[in-house]
């Protein structure tokens, strides 16, 4: 099972600029919790605070089960495309500390093969990652997030380069993960996808505009990117009732 995550009165300031103020939200196991809002509103900063990557005020509480592993899928893979690194080399570097040129240890081979199969990259093991399409590289990033098996999966707008087939693969995988009790936190700008896939949503523009079950929070103006117009009142984080 994934962790329950309670974010209470989260604040973030950089210099004299307020990035986040009084952020309250609740993410639960077996749910897809999407964070949405305008560009520059603090969505990714919220994720980074939750992951402990930025100093902040307030409190972030995790209620973990036995598995405390986090899988992270970034927006894109920034690398030198001329590097002679294959898909297998990349997955080897993710799994073990020994150099990739020594090969993938036997104990990881099954897990790597399974992860590549899930994202439909089986058969691409010897392909240089610089020769992959943008969508294939995004699928590779999702594959690495599955090793070791995570209980919390964090997605930071990873679908920018995906074609329709890639989107279907991602959405099927996300639904499978939540069906197995994982917790998913997902920064997403595709409001149609948010409505289609997410369980809960938090709308952030420096502060929380609204937070709660997707079918109660997403208004028609929000679907068109107008996050403050006609927004319902925020549903406060208050134990299981939130």
C-alpha atoms as a PDB file:
ATOM      1  CA  UNK A   1       0.000   0.000   0.000  1.00  0.00           C
ATOM      2  CA  UNK A   2       1.079   3.546  -0.637  1.00  0.00           C
ATOM      3  CA  UNK A   3       1.419   6.208   2.037  1.00  0.00           C
ATOM      4  CA  UNK A   4      -1.196   8.678   3.177  1.00  0.00           C
ATOM      5  CA  UNK A   5       0.268  12.180   2.790  1.00  0.00           C
ATOM      6  CA  UNK A   6      -1.093  15.171   4.709  1.00  0.00           C
ATOM      7  CA  UNK A   7       0.190  18.610   3.732  1.00  0.00           C
ATOM      8  CA  UNK A   8      -0.634  21.179   6.412  1.00  0.00           C
ATOM      9  CA  UNK A   9      -0.112  24.935   6.096  1.00  0.00           C
ATOM     10  CA  UNK A  10       2.799  24.525   3.684  1.00  0.00           C
ATOM     11  CA  UNK A  11       4.631  27.731   2.847  1.00  0.00           C
ATOM     12  CA  UNK A  12       7.624  28.501   0.644  1.00  0.00           C
ATOM     13  CA  UNK A  13       9.480  31.788   0.137  1.00  0.00           C
ATOM     14  CA  UNK A  14      12.570  32.447  -1.967  1.00  0.00           C
ATOM     15  CA  UNK A  15      14.147  35.790  -1.132  1.00  0.00           C
ATOM     16  CA  UNK A  16      11.328  38.298  -0.953  1.00  0.00           C
ATOM     17  CA  UNK A  17       9.034  36.245  -3.187  1.00  0.00           C
ATOM     18  CA  UNK A  18       6.219  34.098  -1.807  1.00  0.00           C
ATOM     19  CA  UNK A  19       6.010  30.917  -3.885  1.00  0.00           C
ATOM     20  CA  UNK A  20       3.498  28.992  -1.765  1.00  0.00           C
ATOM     21  CA  UNK A  21       1.229  30.107   1.055  1.00  0.00           C
ATOM     22  CA  UNK A  22      -0.922  28.008   3.402  1.00  0.00           C
ATOM     23  CA  UNK A  23      -1.099  24.915   1.175  1.00  0.00           C
ATOM     24  CA  UNK A  24      -3.343  22.159   2.565  1.00  0.00           C
ATOM     25  CA  UNK A  25      -3.996  18.891   0.734  1.00  0.00           C
ATOM     26  CA  UNK A  26      -4.417  15.188   1.381  1.00  0.00           C
ATOM     27  CA  UNK A  27      -3.271  12.273  -0.802  1.00  0.00           C
ATOM     28  CA  UNK A  28      -4.454   8.742  -0.056  1.00  0.00           C
ATOM     29  CA  UNK A  29      -3.419   5.211  -1.062  1.00  0.00           C
ATOM     30  CA  UNK A  30      -5.130   3.848  -4.154  1.00  0.00           C
ATOM     31  CA  UNK A  31      -5.894   7.323  -5.508  1.00  0.00           C
ATOM     32  CA  UNK A  32      -4.564   9.512  -8.296  1.00  0.00           C
ATOM     33  CA  UNK A  33      -4.143  12.991  -6.817  1.00  0.00           C
ATOM     34  CA  UNK A  34      -3.554  15.611  -9.508  1.00  0.00           C
ATOM     35  CA  UNK A  35      -2.068  19.037  -8.788  1.00  0.00           C
ATOM     36  CA  UNK A  36      -3.224  21.605 -11.339  1.00  0.00           C
ATOM     37  CA  UNK A  37      -3.106  25.364 -11.786  1.00  0.00           C
ATOM     38  CA  UNK A  38      -1.621  28.133 -13.932  1.00  0.00           C
ATOM     39  CA  UNK A  39       2.009  28.166 -15.069  1.00  0.00           C
ATOM     40  CA  UNK A  40       4.203  29.564 -12.296  1.00  0.00           C
ATOM     41  CA  UNK A  41       1.548  28.892  -9.685  1.00  0.00           C
ATOM     42  CA  UNK A  42       3.739  26.602  -7.581  1.00  0.00           C
ATOM     43  CA  UNK A  43       2.702  23.085  -8.674  1.00  0.00           C
ATOM     44  CA  UNK A  44       6.219  21.664  -9.088  1.00  0.00           C
ATOM     45  CA  UNK A  45       7.432  23.576  -6.010  1.00  0.00           C
ATOM     46  CA  UNK A  46       4.724  21.811  -4.007  1.00  0.00           C
ATOM     47  CA  UNK A  47       5.995  18.437  -5.216  1.00  0.00           C
ATOM     48  CA  UNK A  48       9.585  19.347  -4.365  1.00  0.00           C
ATOM     49  CA  UNK A  49       8.594  20.369  -0.856  1.00  0.00           C
ATOM     50  CA  UNK A  50       6.733  17.084  -0.373  1.00  0.00           C
ATOM     51  CA  UNK A  51       9.843  15.220  -1.560  1.00  0.00           C
ATOM     52  CA  UNK A  52      12.019  17.177   0.883  1.00  0.00           C
ATOM     53  CA  UNK A  53      13.943  18.995  -1.856  1.00  0.00           C
ATOM     54  CA  UNK A  54      13.078  22.570  -0.839  1.00  0.00           C
ATOM     55  CA  UNK A  55      13.045  24.307   2.565  1.00  0.00           C
ATOM     56  CA  UNK A  56       9.516  25.160   3.664  1.00  0.00           C
ATOM     57  CA  UNK A  57       7.294  26.032   6.588  1.00  0.00           C
ATOM     58  CA  UNK A  58       4.297  24.029   7.727  1.00  0.00           C
ATOM     59  CA  UNK A  59       4.092  20.268   8.145  1.00  0.00           C
ATOM     60  CA  UNK A  60       4.127  17.305   5.751  1.00  0.00           C
ATOM     61  CA  UNK A  61       3.107  14.015   7.320  1.00  0.00           C
ATOM     62  CA  UNK A  62       3.639  10.570   5.751  1.00  0.00           C
ATOM     63  CA  UNK A  63       1.875   7.469   7.023  1.00  0.00           C
ATOM     64  CA  UNK A  64       3.931   4.712   5.366  1.00  0.00           C
ATOM     65  CA  UNK A  65       3.312   1.021   5.160  1.00  0.00           C
ATOM     66  CA  UNK A  66       6.194  -1.450   4.936  1.00  0.00           C
ATOM     67  CA  UNK A  67       7.393  -0.154   1.555  1.00  0.00           C
ATOM     68  CA  UNK A  68       8.869   3.385   1.653  1.00  0.00           C
ATOM     69  CA  UNK A  69      10.104   3.458  -1.942  1.00  0.00           C
ATOM     70  CA  UNK A  70       9.314   6.474  -4.163  1.00  0.00           C
ATOM     71  CA  UNK A  71       9.244   6.352  -7.959  1.00  0.00           C
ATOM     72  CA  UNK A  72       9.748   9.726  -9.700  1.00  0.00           C
ATOM     73  CA  UNK A  73       8.992  10.532 -13.342  1.00  0.00           C
ATOM     74  CA  UNK A  74      10.237  13.998 -14.458  1.00  0.00           C
ATOM     75  CA  UNK A  75       8.931  16.108 -17.308  1.00  0.00           C
ATOM     76  CA  UNK A  76      11.794  15.157 -19.626  1.00  0.00           C
ATOM     77  CA  UNK A  77      15.238  13.568 -19.720  1.00  0.00           C
ATOM     78  CA  UNK A  78      17.973  16.189 -20.178  1.00  0.00           C
ATOM     79  CA  UNK A  79      21.093  14.518 -21.593  1.00  0.00           C
ATOM     80  CA  UNK A  80      23.686  14.656 -24.373  1.00  0.00           C
ATOM     81  CA  UNK A  81      22.128  12.670 -27.216  1.00  0.00           C
ATOM     82  CA  UNK A  82      25.565  11.708 -28.513  1.00  0.00           C
ATOM     83  CA  UNK A  83      26.370   9.700 -25.370  1.00  0.00           C
ATOM     84  CA  UNK A  84      26.802   5.993 -26.207  1.00  0.00           C
ATOM     85  CA  UNK A  85      24.234   4.836 -23.650  1.00  0.00           C
ATOM     86  CA  UNK A  86      21.731   2.120 -24.515  1.00  0.00           C
ATOM     87  CA  UNK A  87      18.367   1.506 -22.900  1.00  0.00           C
ATOM     88  CA  UNK A  88      19.907  -1.403 -20.997  1.00  0.00           C
ATOM     89  CA  UNK A  89      22.847   0.776 -19.882  1.00  0.00           C
ATOM     90  CA  UNK A  90      20.402   3.380 -18.566  1.00  0.00           C
ATOM     91  CA  UNK A  91      18.361   0.826 -16.640  1.00  0.00           C
ATOM     92  CA  UNK A  92      21.572  -0.715 -15.279  1.00  0.00           C
ATOM     93  CA  UNK A  93      22.700   2.657 -13.898  1.00  0.00           C
ATOM     94  CA  UNK A  94      19.326   3.036 -12.206  1.00  0.00           C
ATOM     95  CA  UNK A  95      19.477  -0.387 -10.547  1.00  0.00           C
ATOM     96  CA  UNK A  96      23.048  -0.762  -9.320  1.00  0.00           C
ATOM     97  CA  UNK A  97      26.154   1.124  -8.264  1.00  0.00           C
ATOM     98  CA  UNK A  98      28.620  -0.896 -10.322  1.00  0.00           C
ATOM     99  CA  UNK A  99      29.503   0.485 -13.793  1.00  0.00           C
ATOM    100  CA  UNK A 100      27.053  -0.219 -16.607  1.00  0.00           C
ATOM    101  CA  UNK A 101      29.834  -1.647 -18.812  1.00  0.00           C
ATOM    102  CA  UNK A 102      30.110  -4.550 -16.364  1.00  0.00           C
ATOM    103  CA  UNK A 103      26.574  -5.534 -17.269  1.00  0.00           C
ATOM    104  CA  UNK A 104      23.284  -5.845 -15.421  1.00  0.00           C
ATOM    105  CA  UNK A 105      23.398  -8.103 -12.375  1.00  0.00           C
ATOM    106  CA  UNK A 106      21.355 -11.262 -12.647  1.00  0.00           C
ATOM    107  CA  UNK A 107      19.116 -10.337  -9.712  1.00  0.00           C
ATOM    108  CA  UNK A 108      17.872  -7.228 -11.580  1.00  0.00           C
ATOM    109  CA  UNK A 109      17.349  -8.714 -15.028  1.00  0.00           C
ATOM    110  CA  UNK A 110      13.833  -9.962 -14.443  1.00  0.00           C
ATOM    111  CA  UNK A 111      12.680  -6.664 -12.940  1.00  0.00           C
ATOM    112  CA  UNK A 112      14.214  -4.612 -15.786  1.00  0.00           C
ATOM    113  CA  UNK A 113      12.699  -6.863 -18.437  1.00  0.00           C
ATOM    114  CA  UNK A 114       9.295  -6.608 -16.758  1.00  0.00           C
ATOM    115  CA  UNK A 115       9.482  -2.795 -16.477  1.00  0.00           C
ATOM    116  CA  UNK A 116      10.466  -2.394 -20.144  1.00  0.00           C
ATOM    117  CA  UNK A 117       7.694  -4.762 -21.155  1.00  0.00           C
ATOM    118  CA  UNK A 118       5.112  -2.775 -19.185  1.00  0.00           C
ATOM    119  CA  UNK A 119       6.003   0.440 -21.046  1.00  0.00           C
ATOM    120  CA  UNK A 120       6.254  -1.394 -24.382  1.00  0.00           C
ATOM    121  CA  UNK A 121      10.017  -0.905 -24.825  1.00  0.00           C
ATOM    122  CA  UNK A 122      10.859  -4.593 -24.941  1.00  0.00           C
ATOM    123  CA  UNK A 123      13.071  -5.183 -27.960  1.00  0.00           C
ATOM    124  CA  UNK A 124      14.702  -1.734 -27.527  1.00  0.00           C
ATOM    125  CA  UNK A 125      17.272  -2.846 -24.950  1.00  0.00           C
ATOM    126  CA  UNK A 126      20.261  -2.269 -27.268  1.00  0.00           C
ATOM    127  CA  UNK A 127      18.945   1.005 -28.745  1.00  0.00           C
ATOM    128  CA  UNK A 128      20.879   4.166 -27.907  1.00  0.00           C
ATOM    129  CA  UNK A 129      18.652   6.453 -25.864  1.00  0.00           C
ATOM    130  CA  UNK A 130      19.617   9.306 -28.206  1.00  0.00           C
ATOM    131  CA  UNK A 131      17.895   7.361 -30.995  1.00  0.00           C
ATOM    132  CA  UNK A 132      14.633   6.944 -29.097  1.00  0.00           C
ATOM    133  CA  UNK A 133      11.709   9.197 -29.921  1.00  0.00           C
ATOM    134  CA  UNK A 134      10.652  11.753 -27.325  1.00  0.00           C
ATOM    135  CA  UNK A 135       7.720   9.554 -26.346  1.00  0.00           C
ATOM    136  CA  UNK A 136       9.929   6.482 -26.002  1.00  0.00           C
ATOM    137  CA  UNK A 137      12.299   8.384 -23.713  1.00  0.00           C
ATOM    138  CA  UNK A 138       9.346   9.355 -21.513  1.00  0.00           C
ATOM    139  CA  UNK A 139       8.292   5.720 -21.336  1.00  0.00           C
ATOM    140  CA  UNK A 140      11.862   4.824 -20.361  1.00  0.00           C
ATOM    141  CA  UNK A 141      11.642   7.320 -17.502  1.00  0.00           C
ATOM    142  CA  UNK A 142       8.467   5.623 -16.307  1.00  0.00           C
ATOM    143  CA  UNK A 143      10.187   2.224 -16.520  1.00  0.00           C
ATOM    144  CA  UNK A 144      13.042   3.361 -14.258  1.00  0.00           C
ATOM    145  CA  UNK A 145      10.520   4.669 -11.719  1.00  0.00           C
ATOM    146  CA  UNK A 146       9.167   1.126 -11.327  1.00  0.00           C
ATOM    147  CA  UNK A 147      12.469  -0.287  -9.984  1.00  0.00           C
ATOM    148  CA  UNK A 148      12.427  -1.087  -7.144  1.00  0.00           C
ATOM    149  CA  UNK A 149       8.657  -1.335  -6.889  1.00  0.00           C
ATOM    150  CA  UNK A 150       7.424   1.992  -5.477  1.00  0.00           C
ATOM    151  CA  UNK A 151       4.565   2.594  -3.062  1.00  0.00           C
ATOM    152  CA  UNK A 152       4.470   6.315  -3.969  1.00  0.00           C
ATOM    153  CA  UNK A 153       4.726   7.449  -7.601  1.00  0.00           C
ATOM    154  CA  UNK A 154       5.370  11.142  -8.301  1.00  0.00           C
ATOM    155  CA  UNK A 155       4.715  12.422 -11.834  1.00  0.00           C
ATOM    156  CA  UNK A 156       5.839  15.917 -12.858  1.00  0.00           C
ATOM    157  CA  UNK A 157       4.095  16.562 -16.199  1.00  0.00           C
ATOM    158  CA  UNK A 158       5.709  13.531 -17.888  1.00  0.00           C
ATOM    159  CA  UNK A 159       3.334  13.269 -20.850  1.00  0.00           C
ATOM    160  CA  UNK A 160       4.405  16.285 -22.900  1.00  0.00           C
ATOM    161  CA  UNK A 161       6.124  14.267 -25.647  1.00  0.00           C
ATOM    162  CA  UNK A 162       3.787  11.277 -25.736  1.00  0.00           C
ATOM    163  CA  UNK A 163       1.709  10.278 -28.724  1.00  0.00           C
ATOM    164  CA  UNK A 164      -1.751   8.740 -28.352  1.00  0.00           C
ATOM    165  CA  UNK A 165      -0.356   5.209 -27.952  1.00  0.00           C
ATOM    166  CA  UNK A 166       2.072   6.384 -25.278  1.00  0.00           C
ATOM    167  CA  UNK A 167      -0.688   8.194 -23.380  1.00  0.00           C
ATOM    168  CA  UNK A 168      -2.772   5.008 -23.374  1.00  0.00           C
ATOM    169  CA  UNK A 169       0.191   3.036 -21.998  1.00  0.00           C
ATOM    170  CA  UNK A 170       0.721   5.612 -19.230  1.00  0.00           C
ATOM    171  CA  UNK A 171      -2.932   5.780 -18.259  1.00  0.00           C
ATOM    172  CA  UNK A 172      -3.298   1.995 -18.170  1.00  0.00           C
ATOM    173  CA  UNK A 173      -0.191   1.741 -15.990  1.00  0.00           C
ATOM    174  CA  UNK A 174      -1.443   4.460 -13.642  1.00  0.00           C
ATOM    175  CA  UNK A 175      -4.767   2.698 -13.204  1.00  0.00           C
ATOM    176  CA  UNK A 176      -2.958  -0.585 -12.521  1.00  0.00           C
ATOM    177  CA  UNK A 177      -0.763   1.075  -9.869  1.00  0.00           C
ATOM    178  CA  UNK A 178      -3.726   2.619  -8.045  1.00  0.00           C
ATOM    179  CA  UNK A 179      -5.646  -0.672  -8.235  1.00  0.00           C
ATOM    180  CA  UNK A 180      -2.732  -2.187  -6.298  1.00  0.00           C
ATOM    181  CA  UNK A 181      -2.979   0.483  -3.602  1.00  0.00           C
ATOM    182  CA  UNK A 182      -0.158   2.810  -4.658  1.00  0.00           C
ATOM    183  CA  UNK A 183      -0.343   6.548  -3.979  1.00  0.00           C
ATOM    184  CA  UNK A 184       0.061   8.773  -7.045  1.00  0.00           C
ATOM    185  CA  UNK A 185       0.865  12.497  -6.998  1.00  0.00           C
ATOM    186  CA  UNK A 186       0.678  14.000 -10.474  1.00  0.00           C
ATOM    187  CA  UNK A 187       1.304  17.549 -11.713  1.00  0.00           C
ATOM    188  CA  UNK A 188      -0.821  17.740 -14.846  1.00  0.00           C
ATOM    189  CA  UNK A 189      -1.858  20.479 -17.269  1.00  0.00           C
ATOM    190  CA  UNK A 190      -4.196  18.344 -19.425  1.00  0.00           C
ATOM    191  CA  UNK A 191      -7.532  19.042 -17.772  1.00  0.00           C
ATOM    192  CA  UNK A 192      -9.421  16.487 -19.867  1.00  0.00           C
ATOM    193  CA  UNK A 193      -6.985  13.833 -18.687  1.00  0.00           C
ATOM    194  CA  UNK A 194      -7.254  15.044 -15.086  1.00  0.00           C
ATOM    195  CA  UNK A 195     -11.025  14.667 -15.263  1.00  0.00           C
ATOM    196  CA  UNK A 196     -10.712  11.251 -16.903  1.00  0.00           C
ATOM    197  CA  UNK A 197      -8.047   9.663 -14.682  1.00  0.00           C
ATOM    198  CA  UNK A 198      -7.727  11.433 -11.318  1.00  0.00           C
ATOM    199  CA  UNK A 199      -9.549  10.645  -8.089  1.00  0.00           C
ATOM    200  CA  UNK A 200      -8.760  13.875  -6.273  1.00  0.00           C
ATOM    201  CA  UNK A 201      -7.432  17.237  -7.385  1.00  0.00           C
ATOM    202  CA  UNK A 202      -5.792  20.235  -5.748  1.00  0.00           C
ATOM    203  CA  UNK A 203      -5.807  23.558  -7.603  1.00  0.00           C
ATOM    204  CA  UNK A 204      -2.802  25.709  -6.686  1.00  0.00           C
ATOM    205  CA  UNK A 205      -2.000  29.294  -7.613  1.00  0.00           C
ATOM    206  CA  UNK A 206       0.429  30.264  -4.810  1.00  0.00           C
ATOM    207  CA  UNK A 207      -2.406  29.253  -2.472  1.00  0.00           C
ATOM    208  CA  UNK A 208      -4.962  26.458  -2.660  1.00  0.00           C
ATOM    209  CA  UNK A 209      -7.932  27.504  -4.778  1.00  0.00           C
ATOM    210  CA  UNK A 210      -9.769  24.223  -4.220  1.00  0.00           C
ATOM    211  CA  UNK A 211      -8.958  20.684  -3.106  1.00  0.00           C
ATOM    212  CA  UNK A 212     -11.040  17.536  -2.944  1.00  0.00           C
ATOM    213  CA  UNK A 213     -12.683  14.825  -5.073  1.00  0.00           C
ATOM    214  CA  UNK A 214     -12.275  15.540  -8.785  1.00  0.00           C
ATOM    215  CA  UNK A 215     -15.989  15.409  -9.593  1.00  0.00           C
ATOM    216  CA  UNK A 216     -16.682  18.045  -6.932  1.00  0.00           C
ATOM    217  CA  UNK A 217     -13.773  20.363  -7.680  1.00  0.00           C
ATOM    218  CA  UNK A 218     -13.347  20.648 -11.443  1.00  0.00           C
ATOM    219  CA  UNK A 219     -15.680  23.367 -12.697  1.00  0.00           C
ATOM    220  CA  UNK A 220     -16.278  24.151 -16.351  1.00  0.00           C
ATOM    221  CA  UNK A 221     -14.110  27.330 -16.233  1.00  0.00           C
ATOM    222  CA  UNK A 222     -11.259  25.258 -14.738  1.00  0.00           C
ATOM    223  CA  UNK A 223     -11.517  22.804 -17.620  1.00  0.00           C
ATOM    224  CA  UNK A 224     -10.641  25.741 -19.889  1.00  0.00           C
ATOM    225  CA  UNK A 225      -7.755  26.993 -17.742  1.00  0.00           C
ATOM    226  CA  UNK A 226      -9.631  29.655 -15.753  1.00  0.00           C
ATOM    227  CA  UNK A 227      -8.809  28.290 -12.315  1.00  0.00           C
ATOM    228  CA  UNK A 228     -10.256  31.027 -10.132  1.00  0.00           C
ATOM    229  CA  UNK A 229     -13.539  31.696 -11.928  1.00  0.00           C
ATOM    230  CA  UNK A 230     -16.420  29.847 -10.342  1.00  0.00           C
ATOM    231  CA  UNK A 231     -14.177  27.713  -8.159  1.00  0.00           C
ATOM    232  CA  UNK A 232     -15.846  25.859  -5.293  1.00  0.00           C
ATOM    233  CA  UNK A 233     -14.611  26.458  -1.748  1.00  0.00           C
ATOM    234  CA  UNK A 234     -11.556  24.439  -0.804  1.00  0.00           C
ATOM    235  CA  UNK A 235     -12.267  21.210   1.038  1.00  0.00           C
ATOM    236  CA  UNK A 236     -10.128  21.439   4.158  1.00  0.00           C
ATOM    237  CA  UNK A 237      -7.740  18.665   5.156  1.00  0.00           C
ATOM    238  CA  UNK A 238      -9.328  17.100   8.212  1.00  0.00           C
ATOM    239  CA  UNK A 239      -8.421  13.474   8.802  1.00  0.00           C
ATOM    240  CA  UNK A 240     -10.258  10.829   6.778  1.00  0.00           C
ATOM    241  CA  UNK A 241     -13.108  13.215   6.030  1.00  0.00           C
ATOM    242  CA  UNK A 242     -10.891  15.415   3.874  1.00  0.00           C
END
